[in-house]
Amino acid sequence: MNYLIVVAHPDDEVLGAGATIHKLVNQGHKVAVATMANHAAARANISDTLQDDQSNAMRIMGVNKVYAADFPNIKMNTVPHLELVQFVEKCIEDFQADAIITHHPSDTNIDHMMTSGAVQAAARLFQRKDGIPALKEMWYMEVPSSTEWSLDASASRFVPNCYVEIGREGLQVKIEALSAYKGVMRPYPHPRSNESIEGLAAYRGSQAGCMYAEAFECVLRRI
């Protein structure tokens, strides 16, 4: 299977699915990462070497295919929706994606919300263009310090129904890949601390009956 991970910012892919990406690569699947906003403007404590940081994180997880757009950070709501959708569609078509993992649409971060909406629209590409196969799967992921801050009670919040067992080794790869991003990780009890990342993996693992897991909400599956 070809898994396309579509995220708003560099580091989101590791926070939400880093260990799963590593596991998929090791299982022989092809994995590509597409990031929508690739500059650090308006992001506190983020390295000036963000692109190099992402390259190091990709190497640690085993990813060798990356797509990068240049939409404005924390301003993606100012970009015409069609432009966001068309970028995702180009990634789907070029990578021949079978499955997509992206943000939950109720994340508090506006860029996450816009990315999720663009992916949902792009997922219908097969209905608009001949020769494009329908996606087999689409998952929403959780990004610590964003997904849990979905405070709008009228919106559907992240409800995991799919768990990927990652093991201790997968957790360590995730933490190592996060450490490649300078300025992202914080001291505990921040959600983006090593302790919190391990705690969430242990909690999701306990829900699924294993030691460590990453959780997802599967919203599309075609058998």
Protein backbone atom coordinates (compact mmCIF):
# COMPACT_ATOMS: atom_id res chain seq x y z
CA MET A 1 0.00 0.00 0.00
CA ASN A 2 1.04 3.59 -0.60
CA TYR A 3 0.39 5.70 2.49
CA LEU A 4 0.34 9.49 2.10
CA ILE A 5 0.67 11.46 5.34
CA VAL A 6 -0.70 14.98 4.79
CA VAL A 7 0.10 17.47 7.55
CA ALA A 8 0.04 21.20 8.06
CA HIS A 9 3.56 21.65 9.44
CA PRO A 10 6.87 19.83 9.67
CA ASP A 11 6.85 17.87 12.99
CA ASP A 12 3.09 17.14 12.82
CA GLU A 13 3.78 13.90 10.98
CA VAL A 14 5.99 12.63 13.81
CA LEU A 15 3.72 13.83 16.61
CA GLY A 16 0.68 12.19 15.09
CA ALA A 17 2.02 9.11 13.36
CA GLY A 18 5.80 8.87 13.70
CA ALA A 19 5.93 5.32 15.06
CA THR A 20 3.23 4.14 12.66
CA ILE A 21 5.16 5.59 9.72
CA HIS A 22 8.26 3.70 10.87
CA LYS A 23 6.26 0.48 11.22
CA LEU A 24 4.64 0.82 7.79
CA VAL A 25 8.05 1.37 6.16
CA ASN A 26 9.46 -1.68 7.92
CA GLN A 27 6.51 -3.74 6.72
CA GLY A 28 7.35 -2.87 3.12
CA HIS A 29 4.70 -0.24 2.48
CA LYS A 30 5.58 2.98 0.68
CA VAL A 31 5.15 6.14 2.75
CA ALA A 32 5.28 9.77 1.63
CA VAL A 33 4.83 12.90 3.72
CA ALA A 34 3.23 16.08 2.37
CA THR A 35 3.50 19.30 4.38
CA MET A 36 1.40 22.35 3.63
CA ALA A 37 3.22 25.20 5.48
CA ASN A 38 6.99 24.77 5.49
CA HIS A 39 8.27 27.96 7.09
CA ALA A 40 8.61 28.76 10.77
CA ALA A 41 7.06 32.24 10.76
CA ALA A 42 4.82 32.73 13.81
CA ARG A 43 6.10 29.52 15.41
CA ALA A 44 7.91 30.13 18.68
CA ASN A 45 11.16 28.28 19.45
CA ILE A 46 11.31 26.61 16.05
CA SER A 47 14.68 26.10 14.43
CA ASP A 48 15.84 28.22 11.51
CA THR A 49 17.02 24.93 10.00
CA LEU A 50 13.49 23.53 9.84
CA GLN A 51 13.92 21.86 6.45
CA ASP A 52 17.12 20.14 7.54
CA ASP A 53 15.39 19.09 10.74
CA GLN A 54 12.57 17.52 8.76
CA SER A 55 15.03 15.73 6.50
CA ASN A 56 16.69 14.21 9.57
CA ALA A 57 13.33 13.17 11.00
CA MET A 58 12.38 11.53 7.68
CA ARG A 59 15.66 9.63 7.66
CA ILE A 60 15.06 8.35 11.19
CA MET A 61 11.57 7.11 10.29
CA GLY A 62 12.71 5.71 6.93
CA VAL A 63 10.72 8.03 4.66
CA ASN A 64 12.33 9.05 1.36
CA LYS A 65 9.45 10.83 -0.41
CA VAL A 66 8.42 14.32 0.74
CA TYR A 67 6.11 16.88 -0.86
CA ALA A 68 6.31 20.49 0.30
CA ALA A 69 3.96 23.40 -0.29
CA ASP A 70 4.55 26.97 0.83
CA PHE A 71 1.18 28.06 2.19
CA PRO A 72 1.34 30.71 4.96
CA ASN A 73 1.76 29.39 8.48
CA ILE A 74 -1.25 29.94 10.79
CA LYS A 75 -2.87 31.74 7.86
CA MET A 76 -4.00 28.85 5.70
CA ASN A 77 -7.59 30.05 6.16
CA THR A 78 -6.63 33.03 3.96
CA VAL A 79 -5.74 30.74 1.05
CA PRO A 80 -8.47 29.80 -1.44
CA HIS A 81 -9.71 26.34 -0.55
CA LEU A 82 -9.24 25.17 -4.13
CA GLU A 83 -5.49 25.84 -3.99
CA LEU A 84 -5.14 23.67 -0.89
CA VAL A 85 -7.19 20.90 -2.45
CA GLN A 86 -5.25 20.98 -5.72
CA PHE A 87 -1.92 20.58 -3.92
CA VAL A 88 -3.20 17.50 -2.10
CA GLU A 89 -4.65 16.13 -5.33
CA LYS A 90 -1.28 16.47 -7.06
CA CYS A 91 0.33 14.52 -4.23
CA ILE A 92 -2.33 11.80 -4.41
CA GLU A 93 -1.91 11.46 -8.16
CA ASP A 94 1.90 11.57 -8.21
CA PHE A 95 2.31 9.11 -5.33
CA GLN A 96 -0.63 6.94 -6.42
CA ALA A 97 -1.82 6.97 -2.85
CA ASP A 98 -3.94 4.11 -1.57
CA ALA A 99 -4.44 5.57 1.90
CA ILE A 100 -4.17 8.98 3.57
CA ILE A 101 -3.49 9.91 7.19
CA THR A 102 -4.18 13.52 8.16
CA HIS A 103 -5.36 15.83 10.92
CA HIS A 104 -8.68 15.57 12.68
CA PRO A 105 -11.03 18.28 11.37
CA SER A 106 -11.78 19.56 14.89
CA ASP A 107 -8.17 20.30 15.86
CA THR A 108 -7.88 23.73 17.43
CA ASN A 109 -5.01 24.73 15.11
CA ILE A 110 -6.52 26.50 12.09
CA ASP A 111 -3.89 25.08 9.72
CA HIS A 112 -4.74 21.56 10.89
CA MET A 113 -8.42 22.21 10.24
CA MET A 114 -7.77 23.61 6.76
CA THR A 115 -5.46 20.71 5.90
CA SER A 116 -8.06 18.17 6.99
CA GLY A 117 -10.75 19.89 4.93
CA ALA A 118 -8.52 19.95 1.86
CA VAL A 119 -7.77 16.23 2.23
CA GLN A 120 -11.46 15.41 2.55
CA ALA A 121 -12.17 17.26 -0.70
CA ALA A 122 -9.16 15.79 -2.48
CA ALA A 123 -10.21 12.28 -1.46
CA ARG A 124 -12.94 12.54 -4.12
CA LEU A 125 -10.40 13.03 -6.90
CA PHE A 126 -11.32 9.67 -8.46
CA GLN A 127 -14.84 11.00 -9.09
CA ARG A 128 -13.51 14.00 -10.99
CA LYS A 129 -10.61 12.56 -12.96
CA ASP A 130 -10.46 9.37 -14.98
CA GLY A 131 -7.74 6.88 -14.19
CA ILE A 132 -7.41 7.79 -10.50
CA PRO A 133 -8.34 4.86 -8.23
CA ALA A 134 -10.48 5.49 -5.19
CA LEU A 135 -8.70 5.62 -1.84
CA LYS A 136 -8.82 2.43 0.18
CA GLU A 137 -8.44 4.08 3.57
CA MET A 138 -8.39 7.46 5.30
CA TRP A 139 -7.43 8.00 8.93
CA TYR A 140 -7.44 11.00 11.23
CA MET A 141 -4.57 11.24 13.71
CA GLU A 142 -4.13 13.04 17.02
CA VAL A 143 -1.46 15.72 17.49
CA PRO A 144 -0.58 16.42 21.14
CA SER A 145 -1.28 20.00 22.29
CA SER A 146 -3.76 20.48 19.46
CA THR A 147 -6.26 17.65 19.06
CA GLU A 148 -7.10 17.49 22.76
CA TRP A 149 -7.87 21.22 22.68
CA SER A 150 -11.01 20.73 20.62
CA LEU A 151 -13.23 22.75 22.95
CA ASP A 152 -16.18 23.30 20.60
CA ALA A 153 -18.83 21.05 22.10
CA SER A 154 -20.88 21.25 18.89
CA ALA A 155 -18.09 19.65 16.85
CA SER A 156 -17.29 15.97 16.59
CA ARG A 157 -14.11 15.34 18.54
CA PHE A 158 -11.36 12.79 17.97
CA VAL A 159 -12.73 9.32 18.78
CA PRO A 160 -10.11 6.65 18.06
CA ASN A 161 -11.29 3.37 16.57
CA CYS A 162 -8.01 2.13 15.12
CA TYR A 163 -4.83 1.39 17.07
CA VAL A 164 -1.36 0.62 15.73
CA GLU A 165 0.84 -1.32 18.13
CA ILE A 166 4.25 0.35 18.02
CA GLY A 167 6.23 -1.38 20.76
CA ARG A 168 9.07 0.14 22.74
CA GLU A 169 11.25 0.32 19.65
CA GLY A 170 8.63 2.30 17.73
CA LEU A 171 8.20 4.71 20.63
CA GLN A 172 11.95 5.30 20.76
CA VAL A 173 12.05 6.00 17.01
CA LYS A 174 9.22 8.51 17.43
CA ILE A 175 11.02 10.32 20.24
CA GLU A 176 14.28 10.31 18.29
CA ALA A 177 12.55 11.74 15.20
CA LEU A 178 10.92 14.44 17.32
CA SER A 179 14.29 15.34 18.79
CA ALA A 180 15.47 16.09 15.23
CA TYR A 181 13.18 19.13 15.29
CA LYS A 182 15.03 21.72 17.35
CA GLY A 183 12.80 23.75 19.62
CA VAL A 184 9.72 21.51 19.36
CA MET A 185 10.03 19.38 22.47
CA ARG A 186 9.40 20.95 25.89
CA PRO A 187 9.90 19.96 29.54
CA TYR A 188 7.22 17.85 31.22
CA PRO A 189 4.27 18.35 31.77
CA HIS A 190 3.99 19.93 28.32
CA PRO A 191 2.15 17.57 25.91
CA ARG A 192 5.20 17.70 23.63
CA SER A 193 7.60 16.28 26.19
CA ASN A 194 9.18 12.85 26.12
CA GLU A 195 7.24 11.85 29.24
CA SER A 196 3.90 12.90 27.78
CA ILE A 197 4.59 11.25 24.43
CA GLU A 198 5.40 7.99 26.21
CA GLY A 199 2.39 8.38 28.51
CA LEU A 200 0.00 8.85 25.60
CA ALA A 201 1.46 5.83 23.81
CA ALA A 202 1.07 3.77 26.98
CA TYR A 203 -2.52 4.98 27.45
CA ARG A 204 -3.46 4.19 23.86
CA GLY A 205 -1.71 0.85 24.22
CA SER A 206 -3.74 0.01 27.32
CA GLN A 207 -6.93 0.77 25.39
CA ALA A 208 -5.86 -1.65 22.67
CA GLY A 209 -4.40 -4.35 24.93
CA CYS A 210 -0.72 -3.79 24.19
CA MET A 211 2.22 -1.93 25.70
CA TYR A 212 2.37 1.08 23.37
CA ALA A 213 0.19 2.26 20.49
CA GLU A 214 -0.72 5.23 18.32
CA ALA A 215 -4.42 5.89 17.92
CA PHE A 216 -6.35 6.93 14.82
CA GLU A 217 -9.91 7.50 13.72
CA CYS A 218 -10.56 5.51 10.56
CA VAL A 219 -13.22 7.38 8.59
CA LEU A 220 -12.93 5.53 5.27
CA ARG A 221 -12.15 1.93 4.46
CA ARG A 222 -12.84 0.24 1.15
CA ILE A 223 -12.48 -3.52 1.05
